[in-house]
Amino acid sequence: MESTRNKLIQLLADNSEQYISGQLLSEELEISRSAIWKHMKELEKDGYQIEGKSNKGYRIISYPDKLSENTIRWGLDTDWIGKSIVHKESTTSTQHIAHDEARNGASHGTIIIADEQTNGKGRMNRSWFSSKGKGMWLSMILRPRISPQQAPQLTLLTATVLADVLHAYCHVTPLIKWPNDILLNNKKTAGILTEMQAEQDIINYIVIGIGLNVNQSESELPEEIRHKATSLFIETEKEHSIKGLIQEILVAFEKAYDQFIKNGFPDVKRKWESYGFKIGEEITIKTLRDHFQATFLGIEEDGALRIKRMDGSTEKLYSAEIDWFDDNENHAII
């Protein structure tokens, strides 16, 4: 059914400047003309505007901006990502569905997208406010042939993809706060959550979740996070197409991922550091044994934080509490 509808959309799109007859559609799709009519009605429910005229046939007048498997797939110019899409109007978390789909054999590049999450989450099991129709709540299932130790590099890669797309598509200036937050004007607009199911040296699958605040106004953000969260609408004073952002991100991610698999992490590292928040500046670090200030130098090849202490010695950190903003409300535990 889904494949037939996709072929129908493609045929209509290929003939968008003219009508295509019901008889020709019936022959191309090998279904009855009454089945064609039923498909047209389903597409209209999805938001497509389709014109039908006797003795002429059908043509698409306009495409919907709403999210669905069809609308996301239409116009998505990728080789492998997004070829399988699961869309939910509302769900607890796209991560939950992605894990279920992955355990049931979902293919590499499967996408789970939701209009709303009722129990969205970020790193450290923190909650993520996921308002209906106002943001991008998406998870990707990947089955990379890399070692489990390399998995954190995919979080950093995803952050660079988001930064690139937001800069080019929305004309904003993003920064990446290590390892997984996208900031606009020092406020969080996107977060990334990477989860993995692996054995000792084999990755069974990775799920990368992305939460992106798109069209929320300031009053639509919970009061308790307004001082540290923002959206593309707040920063640009205009609404953005969530469907368009999803497609841009998927296209950019596929290209960056393929290059990463081929060339390794060095290119990702350079790109990440070009967006790195507070690189070259002092941050406050607290570990189990120490509390000190250091200069943030960048990231290591394995994705760890690289710092320089006041005595000039350098080291890398895998676990610490970092105060990025010199206040008590904006610290990150790594």
C-alpha atoms as a PDB file:
ATOM      1  CA  MET A   1       0.000   0.000   0.000  1.00  0.00           C
ATOM      2  CA  GLU A   2       2.688   2.481   1.028  1.00  0.00           C
ATOM      3  CA  SER A   3       4.809   1.625  -1.995  1.00  0.00           C
ATOM      4  CA  THR A   4       1.847   2.086  -4.337  1.00  0.00           C
ATOM      5  CA  ARG A   5       1.022   5.476  -2.860  1.00  0.00           C
ATOM      6  CA  ASN A   6       4.629   6.606  -3.147  1.00  0.00           C
ATOM      7  CA  LYS A   7       4.669   5.572  -6.815  1.00  0.00           C
ATOM      8  CA  LEU A   8       1.405   7.447  -7.327  1.00  0.00           C
ATOM      9  CA  ILE A   9       2.860  10.616  -5.830  1.00  0.00           C
ATOM     10  CA  GLN A  10       5.939  10.257  -8.008  1.00  0.00           C
ATOM     11  CA  LEU A  11       3.857   9.838 -11.165  1.00  0.00           C
ATOM     12  CA  LEU A  12       1.768  12.890 -10.314  1.00  0.00           C
ATOM     13  CA  ALA A  13       4.894  14.894  -9.500  1.00  0.00           C
ATOM     14  CA  ASP A  14       6.581  13.902 -12.750  1.00  0.00           C
ATOM     15  CA  ASN A  15       3.528  15.206 -14.599  1.00  0.00           C
ATOM     16  CA  SER A  16       2.861  18.257 -12.436  1.00  0.00           C
ATOM     17  CA  GLU A  17       2.520  20.578 -15.440  1.00  0.00           C
ATOM     18  CA  GLN A  18      -0.198  18.471 -17.034  1.00  0.00           C
ATOM     19  CA  TYR A  19      -2.966  16.033 -16.245  1.00  0.00           C
ATOM     20  CA  ILE A  20      -2.303  12.318 -16.133  1.00  0.00           C
ATOM     21  CA  SER A  21      -5.242  10.064 -16.934  1.00  0.00           C
ATOM     22  CA  GLY A  22      -6.734   7.613 -14.504  1.00  0.00           C
ATOM     23  CA  GLN A  23      -6.316   4.887 -17.125  1.00  0.00           C
ATOM     24  CA  LEU A  24      -2.582   5.547 -17.425  1.00  0.00           C
ATOM     25  CA  LEU A  25      -2.186   5.604 -13.636  1.00  0.00           C
ATOM     26  CA  SER A  26      -4.115   2.332 -13.444  1.00  0.00           C
ATOM     27  CA  GLU A  27      -1.821   0.705 -15.981  1.00  0.00           C
ATOM     28  CA  GLU A  28       1.391   2.029 -14.409  1.00  0.00           C
ATOM     29  CA  LEU A  29       0.416   0.978 -10.887  1.00  0.00           C
ATOM     30  CA  GLU A  30      -1.426  -2.197 -11.910  1.00  0.00           C
ATOM     31  CA  ILE A  31      -4.472  -1.361  -9.799  1.00  0.00           C
ATOM     32  CA  SER A  32      -8.076  -0.502 -10.690  1.00  0.00           C
ATOM     33  CA  ARG A  33      -9.272   3.036 -11.400  1.00  0.00           C
ATOM     34  CA  SER A  34     -11.499   2.871  -8.322  1.00  0.00           C
ATOM     35  CA  ALA A  35      -8.376   2.068  -6.273  1.00  0.00           C
ATOM     36  CA  ILE A  36      -6.677   5.099  -7.825  1.00  0.00           C
ATOM     37  CA  TRP A  37      -9.594   7.271  -6.694  1.00  0.00           C
ATOM     38  CA  LYS A  38      -9.337   5.894  -3.142  1.00  0.00           C
ATOM     39  CA  HIS A  39      -5.623   6.662  -3.058  1.00  0.00           C
ATOM     40  CA  MET A  40      -6.348  10.212  -4.198  1.00  0.00           C
ATOM     41  CA  LYS A  41      -8.767  10.687  -1.306  1.00  0.00           C
ATOM     42  CA  GLU A  42      -6.162   9.423   1.152  1.00  0.00           C
ATOM     43  CA  LEU A  43      -3.606  11.849  -0.259  1.00  0.00           C
ATOM     44  CA  GLU A  44      -6.094  14.692   0.164  1.00  0.00           C
ATOM     45  CA  LYS A  45      -6.473  13.707   3.823  1.00  0.00           C
ATOM     46  CA  ASP A  46      -2.684  13.997   4.066  1.00  0.00           C
ATOM     47  CA  GLY A  47      -2.886  17.580   2.825  1.00  0.00           C
ATOM     48  CA  TYR A  48      -2.186  17.190  -0.895  1.00  0.00           C
ATOM     49  CA  GLN A  49      -4.377  19.354  -3.139  1.00  0.00           C
ATOM     50  CA  ILE A  50      -5.279  17.266  -6.160  1.00  0.00           C
ATOM     51  CA  GLU A  51      -7.392  18.393  -9.090  1.00  0.00           C
ATOM     52  CA  GLY A  52      -9.377  15.835 -11.056  1.00  0.00           C
ATOM     53  CA  LYS A  53     -11.165  16.570 -14.333  1.00  0.00           C
ATOM     54  CA  SER A  54     -13.258  14.335 -16.532  1.00  0.00           C
ATOM     55  CA  ASN A  55     -11.543  13.241 -19.745  1.00  0.00           C
ATOM     56  CA  LYS A  56      -8.273  14.744 -18.510  1.00  0.00           C
ATOM     57  CA  GLY A  57      -7.254  12.982 -15.315  1.00  0.00           C
ATOM     58  CA  TYR A  58      -5.455  14.176 -12.208  1.00  0.00           C
ATOM     59  CA  ARG A  59      -2.726  16.612 -11.256  1.00  0.00           C
ATOM     60  CA  ILE A  60      -1.219  17.856  -7.987  1.00  0.00           C
ATOM     61  CA  ILE A  61      -1.901  21.509  -7.232  1.00  0.00           C
ATOM     62  CA  SER A  62       0.136  21.769  -4.020  1.00  0.00           C
ATOM     63  CA  TYR A  63       2.030  19.658  -1.502  1.00  0.00           C
ATOM     64  CA  PRO A  64       1.349  19.688   2.252  1.00  0.00           C
ATOM     65  CA  ASP A  65       3.796  20.931   4.852  1.00  0.00           C
ATOM     66  CA  LYS A  66       2.395  18.643   7.544  1.00  0.00           C
ATOM     67  CA  LEU A  67       4.439  15.672   8.670  1.00  0.00           C
ATOM     68  CA  SER A  68       3.716  12.167   7.465  1.00  0.00           C
ATOM     69  CA  GLU A  69       5.656   9.303   5.960  1.00  0.00           C
ATOM     70  CA  ASN A  70       4.629  10.481   2.488  1.00  0.00           C
ATOM     71  CA  THR A  71       5.361  14.182   2.876  1.00  0.00           C
ATOM     72  CA  ILE A  72       8.782  13.601   4.430  1.00  0.00           C
ATOM     73  CA  ARG A  73       9.756  11.054   1.809  1.00  0.00           C
ATOM     74  CA  TRP A  74       8.571  13.185  -1.101  1.00  0.00           C
ATOM     75  CA  GLY A  75      11.475  15.388  -2.195  1.00  0.00           C
ATOM     76  CA  LEU A  76      13.964  13.625   0.110  1.00  0.00           C
ATOM     77  CA  ASP A  77      17.065  13.201  -2.039  1.00  0.00           C
ATOM     78  CA  THR A  78      18.950  10.497  -0.132  1.00  0.00           C
ATOM     79  CA  ASP A  79      20.334   7.067  -0.957  1.00  0.00           C
ATOM     80  CA  TRP A  80      19.657   5.197   2.288  1.00  0.00           C
ATOM     81  CA  ILE A  81      18.482   7.398   5.133  1.00  0.00           C
ATOM     82  CA  GLY A  82      14.750   7.896   5.437  1.00  0.00           C
ATOM     83  CA  LYS A  83      13.830   5.136   3.019  1.00  0.00           C
ATOM     84  CA  SER A  84      11.843   3.688   5.902  1.00  0.00           C
ATOM     85  CA  ILE A  85       9.922   6.235   8.006  1.00  0.00           C
ATOM     86  CA  VAL A  86       7.690   5.780  11.037  1.00  0.00           C
ATOM     87  CA  HIS A  87       5.541   8.806  11.856  1.00  0.00           C
ATOM     88  CA  LYS A  88       3.494   9.263  15.021  1.00  0.00           C
ATOM     89  CA  GLU A  89       1.192  12.165  15.791  1.00  0.00           C
ATOM     90  CA  SER A  90       1.941  11.655  19.487  1.00  0.00           C
ATOM     91  CA  THR A  91       4.209   9.254  21.342  1.00  0.00           C
ATOM     92  CA  THR A  92       6.069   9.004  24.622  1.00  0.00           C
ATOM     93  CA  SER A  93       9.449   9.268  22.909  1.00  0.00           C
ATOM     94  CA  THR A  94      10.797   8.628  19.419  1.00  0.00           C
ATOM     95  CA  GLN A  95      13.758   6.960  21.160  1.00  0.00           C
ATOM     96  CA  HIS A  96      11.449   4.342  22.686  1.00  0.00           C
ATOM     97  CA  ILE A  97       9.921   3.517  19.307  1.00  0.00           C
ATOM     98  CA  ALA A  98      13.341   3.462  17.625  1.00  0.00           C
ATOM     99  CA  HIS A  99      14.655   0.884  20.101  1.00  0.00           C
ATOM    100  CA  ASP A 100      11.588  -1.291  19.532  1.00  0.00           C
ATOM    101  CA  GLU A 101      11.918  -0.972  15.759  1.00  0.00           C
ATOM    102  CA  ALA A 102      15.656  -1.711  15.877  1.00  0.00           C
ATOM    103  CA  ARG A 103      15.176  -4.813  18.012  1.00  0.00           C
ATOM    104  CA  ASN A 104      12.589  -5.985  15.481  1.00  0.00           C
ATOM    105  CA  GLY A 105      15.056  -5.670  12.604  1.00  0.00           C
ATOM    106  CA  ALA A 106      14.478  -2.135  11.278  1.00  0.00           C
ATOM    107  CA  SER A 107      16.934  -1.294   8.536  1.00  0.00           C
ATOM    108  CA  HIS A 108      19.909   1.053   8.716  1.00  0.00           C
ATOM    109  CA  GLY A 109      18.654   4.588   8.138  1.00  0.00           C
ATOM    110  CA  THR A 110      15.133   4.091   9.468  1.00  0.00           C
ATOM    111  CA  ILE A 111      13.639   7.343  10.773  1.00  0.00           C
ATOM    112  CA  ILE A 112      11.106   7.816  13.565  1.00  0.00           C
ATOM    113  CA  ILE A 113       9.412  11.207  13.687  1.00  0.00           C
ATOM    114  CA  ALA A 114       6.663  12.558  15.945  1.00  0.00           C
ATOM    115  CA  ASP A 115       4.524  15.679  16.035  1.00  0.00           C
ATOM    116  CA  GLU A 116       4.618  15.505  19.833  1.00  0.00           C
ATOM    117  CA  GLN A 117       6.468  13.642  22.585  1.00  0.00           C
ATOM    118  CA  THR A 118       4.789  13.233  25.946  1.00  0.00           C
ATOM    119  CA  ASN A 119       7.920  11.911  27.657  1.00  0.00           C
ATOM    120  CA  GLY A 120      10.839  13.212  25.609  1.00  0.00           C
ATOM    121  CA  LYS A 121      14.247  12.851  27.180  1.00  0.00           C
ATOM    122  CA  GLY A 122      17.806  14.056  26.813  1.00  0.00           C
ATOM    123  CA  ARG A 123      21.135  13.020  28.287  1.00  0.00           C
ATOM    124  CA  MET A 124      21.336  12.000  31.949  1.00  0.00           C
ATOM    125  CA  ASN A 125      17.623  11.061  31.649  1.00  0.00           C
ATOM    126  CA  ARG A 126      16.648  14.736  31.750  1.00  0.00           C
ATOM    127  CA  SER A 127      13.199  15.563  30.360  1.00  0.00           C
ATOM    128  CA  TRP A 128      12.801  17.413  27.062  1.00  0.00           C
ATOM    129  CA  PHE A 129       9.765  19.618  26.453  1.00  0.00           C
ATOM    130  CA  SER A 130       8.383  18.495  23.072  1.00  0.00           C
ATOM    131  CA  SER A 131       5.337  20.596  22.170  1.00  0.00           C
ATOM    132  CA  LYS A 132       2.979  19.418  19.446  1.00  0.00           C
ATOM    133  CA  GLY A 133       3.719  20.667  15.967  1.00  0.00           C
ATOM    134  CA  LYS A 134       6.295  23.174  17.172  1.00  0.00           C
ATOM    135  CA  GLY A 135       9.577  21.298  16.885  1.00  0.00           C
ATOM    136  CA  MET A 136      11.457  18.451  15.279  1.00  0.00           C
ATOM    137  CA  TRP A 137      11.390  15.300  17.395  1.00  0.00           C
ATOM    138  CA  LEU A 138      13.299  12.656  15.457  1.00  0.00           C
ATOM    139  CA  SER A 139      15.306   9.486  16.001  1.00  0.00           C
ATOM    140  CA  MET A 140      17.528   7.656  13.516  1.00  0.00           C
ATOM    141  CA  ILE A 141      18.432   3.971  13.582  1.00  0.00           C
ATOM    142  CA  LEU A 142      21.979   3.264  12.427  1.00  0.00           C
ATOM    143  CA  ARG A 143      23.889   0.010  12.074  1.00  0.00           C
ATOM    144  CA  PRO A 144      27.467   1.211  11.538  1.00  0.00           C
ATOM    145  CA  ARG A 145      30.414  -1.114  11.118  1.00  0.00           C
ATOM    146  CA  ILE A 146      32.567   0.696  13.652  1.00  0.00           C
ATOM    147  CA  SER A 147      33.752  -0.231  17.130  1.00  0.00           C
ATOM    148  CA  PRO A 148      31.553   0.635  20.122  1.00  0.00           C
ATOM    149  CA  GLN A 149      34.358   2.959  21.307  1.00  0.00           C
ATOM    150  CA  GLN A 150      33.747   5.127  18.234  1.00  0.00           C
ATOM    151  CA  ALA A 151      30.031   5.561  18.875  1.00  0.00           C
ATOM    152  CA  PRO A 152      30.404   8.895  20.783  1.00  0.00           C
ATOM    153  CA  GLN A 153      31.929  10.371  17.629  1.00  0.00           C
ATOM    154  CA  LEU A 154      28.512  10.065  15.965  1.00  0.00           C
ATOM    155  CA  THR A 155      27.058  12.452  18.551  1.00  0.00           C
ATOM    156  CA  LEU A 156      29.679  15.031  17.619  1.00  0.00           C
ATOM    157  CA  LEU A 157      29.089  14.417  13.911  1.00  0.00           C
ATOM    158  CA  THR A 158      25.341  14.935  14.359  1.00  0.00           C
ATOM    159  CA  ALA A 159      25.980  18.209  16.162  1.00  0.00           C
ATOM    160  CA  THR A 160      28.039  19.496  13.226  1.00  0.00           C
ATOM    161  CA  VAL A 161      25.267  18.532  10.804  1.00  0.00           C
ATOM    162  CA  LEU A 162      22.688  20.452  12.833  1.00  0.00           C
ATOM    163  CA  ALA A 163      24.965  23.474  13.074  1.00  0.00           C
ATOM    164  CA  ASP A 164      25.632  23.447   9.328  1.00  0.00           C
ATOM    165  CA  VAL A 165      21.947  23.156   8.411  1.00  0.00           C
ATOM    166  CA  LEU A 166      20.787  25.837  10.846  1.00  0.00           C
ATOM    167  CA  HIS A 167      23.466  28.204   9.584  1.00  0.00           C
ATOM    168  CA  ALA A 168      22.685  27.632   5.897  1.00  0.00           C
ATOM    169  CA  TYR A 169      18.925  27.034   6.022  1.00  0.00           C
ATOM    170  CA  CYS A 170      17.844  29.397   8.809  1.00  0.00           C
ATOM    171  CA  HIS A 171      20.636  31.992   8.607  1.00  0.00           C
ATOM    172  CA  VAL A 172      21.524  31.821  12.286  1.00  0.00           C
ATOM    173  CA  THR A 173      24.908  31.481  13.984  1.00  0.00           C
ATOM    174  CA  PRO A 174      24.901  28.291  16.078  1.00  0.00           C
ATOM    175  CA  LEU A 175      27.509  27.115  18.540  1.00  0.00           C
ATOM    176  CA  ILE A 176      27.971  23.570  19.868  1.00  0.00           C
ATOM    177  CA  LYS A 177      28.272  23.157  23.627  1.00  0.00           C
ATOM    178  CA  TRP A 178      30.174  19.951  24.270  1.00  0.00           C
ATOM    179  CA  PRO A 179      29.100  17.384  23.493  1.00  0.00           C
ATOM    180  CA  ASN A 180      25.527  17.586  22.302  1.00  0.00           C
ATOM    181  CA  ASP A 181      23.791  20.969  22.676  1.00  0.00           C
ATOM    182  CA  ILE A 182      23.195  23.503  19.905  1.00  0.00           C
ATOM    183  CA  LEU A 183      23.127  27.068  21.206  1.00  0.00           C
ATOM    184  CA  LEU A 184      21.769  30.255  19.695  1.00  0.00           C
ATOM    185  CA  ASN A 185      22.658  33.417  21.611  1.00  0.00           C
ATOM    186  CA  ASN A 186      23.920  31.195  24.446  1.00  0.00           C
ATOM    187  CA  LYS A 187      20.538  29.459  24.780  1.00  0.00           C
ATOM    188  CA  LYS A 188      19.797  25.839  23.937  1.00  0.00           C
ATOM    189  CA  THR A 189      17.735  25.241  20.816  1.00  0.00           C
ATOM    190  CA  ALA A 190      18.630  21.599  20.098  1.00  0.00           C
ATOM    191  CA  GLY A 191      19.943  18.539  21.880  1.00  0.00           C
ATOM    192  CA  ILE A 192      21.209  15.144  20.780  1.00  0.00           C
ATOM    193  CA  LEU A 193      20.862  11.810  22.566  1.00  0.00           C
ATOM    194  CA  THR A 194      22.871   8.810  21.357  1.00  0.00           C
ATOM    195  CA  GLU A 195      22.044   5.350  22.688  1.00  0.00           C
ATOM    196  CA  MET A 196      23.608   2.064  21.683  1.00  0.00           C
ATOM    197  CA  GLN A 197      22.993  -1.648  21.899  1.00  0.00           C
ATOM    198  CA  ALA A 198      26.272  -3.492  21.466  1.00  0.00           C
ATOM    199  CA  GLU A 199      28.295  -6.525  22.407  1.00  0.00           C
ATOM    200  CA  GLN A 200      31.973  -6.467  23.346  1.00  0.00           C
ATOM    201  CA  ASP A 201      33.272  -5.332  19.970  1.00  0.00           C
ATOM    202  CA  ILE A 202      30.185  -5.253  17.744  1.00  0.00           C
ATOM    203  CA  ILE A 203      27.485  -2.595  17.506  1.00  0.00           C
ATOM    204  CA  ASN A 204      24.056  -4.113  16.987  1.00  0.00           C
ATOM    205  CA  TYR A 205      22.486  -0.712  16.455  1.00  0.00           C
ATOM    206  CA  ILE A 206      22.711   2.939  17.457  1.00  0.00           C
ATOM    207  CA  VAL A 207      19.780   5.284  17.959  1.00  0.00           C
ATOM    208  CA  ILE A 208      20.472   9.002  17.591  1.00  0.00           C
ATOM    209  CA  GLY A 209      17.698  11.251  18.833  1.00  0.00           C
ATOM    210  CA  ILE A 210      17.411  14.932  17.934  1.00  0.00           C
ATOM    211  CA  GLY A 211      15.165  17.464  19.614  1.00  0.00           C
ATOM    212  CA  LEU A 212      15.018  20.841  17.871  1.00  0.00           C
ATOM    213  CA  ASN A 213      12.894  23.781  19.000  1.00  0.00           C
ATOM    214  CA  VAL A 214      11.539  25.319  15.810  1.00  0.00           C
ATOM    215  CA  ASN A 215       8.373  27.430  16.002  1.00  0.00           C
ATOM    216  CA  GLN A 216       7.738  27.977  19.719  1.00  0.00           C
ATOM    217  CA  SER A 217       7.190  31.534  20.882  1.00  0.00           C
ATOM    218  CA  GLU A 218       8.770  32.539  24.180  1.00  0.00           C
ATOM    219  CA  SER A 219       5.411  32.240  25.957  1.00  0.00           C
ATOM    220  CA  GLU A 220       5.055  28.659  24.701  1.00  0.00           C
ATOM    221  CA  LEU A 221       8.251  27.544  26.428  1.00  0.00           C
ATOM    222  CA  PRO A 222       7.857  26.452  30.061  1.00  0.00           C
ATOM    223  CA  GLU A 223       8.636  29.369  32.337  1.00  0.00           C
ATOM    224  CA  GLU A 224      11.340  27.439  34.178  1.00  0.00           C
ATOM    225  CA  ILE A 225      13.476  27.042  31.030  1.00  0.00           C
ATOM    226  CA  ARG A 226      12.961  30.374  29.246  1.00  0.00           C
ATOM    227  CA  HIS A 227      16.222  31.762  30.601  1.00  0.00           C
ATOM    228  CA  LYS A 228      18.224  28.927  29.036  1.00  0.00           C
ATOM    229  CA  ALA A 229      16.181  27.694  26.044  1.00  0.00           C
ATOM    230  CA  THR A 230      15.158  29.249  22.755  1.00  0.00           C
ATOM    231  CA  SER A 231      13.726  28.364  19.348  1.00  0.00           C
ATOM    232  CA  LEU A 232      14.374  29.247  15.729  1.00  0.00           C
ATOM    233  CA  PHE A 233      11.204  31.345  15.731  1.00  0.00           C
ATOM    234  CA  ILE A 234      12.359  33.362  18.733  1.00  0.00           C
ATOM    235  CA  GLU A 235      15.775  33.963  17.208  1.00  0.00           C
ATOM    236  CA  THR A 236      14.686  34.745  13.629  1.00  0.00           C
ATOM    237  CA  GLU A 237      11.190  36.145  14.221  1.00  0.00           C
ATOM    238  CA  LYS A 238       9.708  33.922  11.550  1.00  0.00           C
ATOM    239  CA  GLU A 239       8.280  30.430  11.279  1.00  0.00           C
ATOM    240  CA  HIS A 240      10.209  27.635   9.607  1.00  0.00           C
ATOM    241  CA  SER A 241       9.084  24.504   7.786  1.00  0.00           C
ATOM    242  CA  ILE A 242       9.653  21.523  10.063  1.00  0.00           C
ATOM    243  CA  LYS A 243       9.335  19.173   7.107  1.00  0.00           C
ATOM    244  CA  GLY A 244      11.917  21.196   5.197  1.00  0.00           C
ATOM    245  CA  LEU A 245      14.309  21.145   8.144  1.00  0.00           C
ATOM    246  CA  ILE A 246      13.946  17.384   8.501  1.00  0.00           C
ATOM    247  CA  GLN A 247      14.768  16.854   4.841  1.00  0.00           C
ATOM    248  CA  GLU A 248      17.747  19.227   4.929  1.00  0.00           C
ATOM    249  CA  ILE A 249      19.118  17.528   8.039  1.00  0.00           C
ATOM    250  CA  LEU A 250      18.700  14.015   6.647  1.00  0.00           C
ATOM    251  CA  VAL A 251      20.426  14.899   3.381  1.00  0.00           C
ATOM    252  CA  ALA A 252      23.313  16.584   5.225  1.00  0.00           C
ATOM    253  CA  PHE A 253      23.572  13.752   7.753  1.00  0.00           C
ATOM    254  CA  GLU A 254      23.808  11.060   5.084  1.00  0.00           C
ATOM    255  CA  LYS A 255      26.624  12.906   3.331  1.00  0.00           C
ATOM    256  CA  ALA A 256      28.536  13.573   6.571  1.00  0.00           C
ATOM    257  CA  TYR A 257      28.021  10.006   7.816  1.00  0.00           C
ATOM    258  CA  ASP A 258      29.276   8.466   4.573  1.00  0.00           C
ATOM    259  CA  GLN A 259      32.374  10.669   4.691  1.00  0.00           C
ATOM    260  CA  PHE A 260      32.952   9.722   8.345  1.00  0.00           C
ATOM    261  CA  ILE A 261      32.763   6.003   7.552  1.00  0.00           C
ATOM    262  CA  LYS A 262      35.180   6.501   4.654  1.00  0.00           C
ATOM    263  CA  ASN A 263      37.648   9.014   6.137  1.00  0.00           C
ATOM    264  CA  GLY A 264      37.322   8.702   9.902  1.00  0.00           C
ATOM    265  CA  PHE A 265      36.956  11.406  12.553  1.00  0.00           C
ATOM    266  CA  PRO A 266      39.532  14.127  11.646  1.00  0.00           C
ATOM    267  CA  ASP A 267      37.176  16.095   9.355  1.00  0.00           C
ATOM    268  CA  VAL A 268      34.390  15.898  11.936  1.00  0.00           C
ATOM    269  CA  LYS A 269      36.766  17.087  14.644  1.00  0.00           C
ATOM    270  CA  ARG A 270      37.788  20.143  12.615  1.00  0.00           C
ATOM    271  CA  LYS A 271      34.203  20.997  11.791  1.00  0.00           C
ATOM    272  CA  TRP A 272      33.095  20.552  15.404  1.00  0.00           C
ATOM    273  CA  GLU A 273      35.840  22.821  16.701  1.00  0.00           C
ATOM    274  CA  SER A 274      34.840  25.511  14.192  1.00  0.00           C
ATOM    275  CA  TYR A 275      31.493  25.674  16.024  1.00  0.00           C
ATOM    276  CA  GLY A 276      32.789  24.850  19.516  1.00  0.00           C
ATOM    277  CA  PHE A 277      31.346  26.951  22.334  1.00  0.00           C
ATOM    278  CA  LYS A 278      33.945  28.557  24.613  1.00  0.00           C
ATOM    279  CA  ILE A 279      36.964  27.110  22.792  1.00  0.00           C
ATOM    280  CA  GLY A 280      39.970  29.153  23.888  1.00  0.00           C
ATOM    281  CA  GLU A 281      38.097  30.450  26.941  1.00  0.00           C
ATOM    282  CA  GLU A 282      38.143  29.560  30.620  1.00  0.00           C
ATOM    283  CA  ILE A 283      35.629  27.128  32.081  1.00  0.00           C
ATOM    284  CA  THR A 284      35.179  25.915  35.635  1.00  0.00           C
ATOM    285  CA  ILE A 285      35.588  22.179  36.196  1.00  0.00           C
ATOM    286  CA  LYS A 286      34.712  20.071  39.211  1.00  0.00           C
ATOM    287  CA  THR A 287      35.731  16.435  39.536  1.00  0.00           C
ATOM    288  CA  LEU A 288      35.478  14.044  42.473  1.00  0.00           C
ATOM    289  CA  ARG A 289      38.919  15.155  43.650  1.00  0.00           C
ATOM    290  CA  ASP A 290      39.381  18.664  42.336  1.00  0.00           C
ATOM    291  CA  HIS A 291      37.769  22.011  41.540  1.00  0.00           C
ATOM    292  CA  PHE A 292      39.638  24.259  39.140  1.00  0.00           C
ATOM    293  CA  GLN A 293      39.592  26.594  36.171  1.00  0.00           C
ATOM    294  CA  ALA A 294      41.040  25.621  32.821  1.00  0.00           C
ATOM    295  CA  THR A 295      41.104  26.705  29.208  1.00  0.00           C
ATOM    296  CA  PHE A 296      38.930  24.682  26.854  1.00  0.00           C
ATOM    297  CA  LEU A 297      41.198  23.712  23.943  1.00  0.00           C
ATOM    298  CA  GLY A 298      38.863  21.529  21.891  1.00  0.00           C
ATOM    299  CA  ILE A 299      38.141  17.829  21.537  1.00  0.00           C
ATOM    300  CA  GLU A 300      40.337  14.760  21.228  1.00  0.00           C
ATOM    301  CA  GLU A 301      40.181  12.153  18.480  1.00  0.00           C
ATOM    302  CA  ASP A 302      37.981  10.007  20.695  1.00  0.00           C
ATOM    303  CA  GLY A 303      35.639  12.927  21.403  1.00  0.00           C
ATOM    304  CA  ALA A 304      36.883  13.654  24.928  1.00  0.00           C
ATOM    305  CA  LEU A 305      37.243  17.230  26.175  1.00  0.00           C
ATOM    306  CA  ARG A 306      40.776  18.674  25.923  1.00  0.00           C
ATOM    307  CA  ILE A 307      41.748  21.321  28.493  1.00  0.00           C
ATOM    308  CA  LYS A 308      44.790  23.257  29.641  1.00  0.00           C
ATOM    309  CA  ARG A 309      45.265  23.863  33.359  1.00  0.00           C
ATOM    310  CA  MET A 310      46.596  27.100  34.781  1.00  0.00           C
ATOM    311  CA  ASP A 311      50.060  25.511  35.175  1.00  0.00           C
ATOM    312  CA  GLY A 312      50.184  24.894  31.408  1.00  0.00           C
ATOM    313  CA  SER A 313      49.650  21.129  31.522  1.00  0.00           C
ATOM    314  CA  THR A 314      47.032  19.623  29.215  1.00  0.00           C
ATOM    315  CA  GLU A 315      44.712  16.698  29.781  1.00  0.00           C
ATOM    316  CA  LYS A 316      41.512  15.197  28.489  1.00  0.00           C
ATOM    317  CA  LEU A 317      38.317  14.705  30.447  1.00  0.00           C
ATOM    318  CA  TYR A 318      35.702  12.016  30.170  1.00  0.00           C
ATOM    319  CA  SER A 319      33.803  12.789  33.364  1.00  0.00           C
ATOM    320  CA  ALA A 320      33.402  16.061  35.246  1.00  0.00           C
ATOM    321  CA  GLU A 321      30.930  18.778  36.173  1.00  0.00           C
ATOM    322  CA  ILE A 322      31.476  21.832  33.996  1.00  0.00           C
ATOM    323  CA  ASP A 323      30.233  25.342  34.614  1.00  0.00           C
ATOM    324  CA  TRP A 324      30.034  26.907  31.173  1.00  0.00           C
ATOM    325  CA  PHE A 325      28.363  30.150  32.157  1.00  0.00           C
ATOM    326  CA  ASP A 326      29.839  30.998  35.577  1.00  0.00           C
ATOM    327  CA  ASP A 327      26.507  30.640  37.350  1.00  0.00           C
ATOM    328  CA  ASN A 328      24.737  27.929  39.289  1.00  0.00           C
ATOM    329  CA  GLU A 329      22.014  27.154  36.748  1.00  0.00           C
ATOM    330  CA  ASN A 330      24.002  26.380  33.629  1.00  0.00           C
ATOM    331  CA  HIS A 331      26.381  23.570  34.397  1.00  0.00           C
ATOM    332  CA  ALA A 332      26.772  20.282  32.614  1.00  0.00           C
ATOM    333  CA  ILE A 333      27.742  16.914  33.993  1.00  0.00           C
ATOM    334  CA  ILE A 334      29.890  14.907  31.591  1.00  0.00           C
END
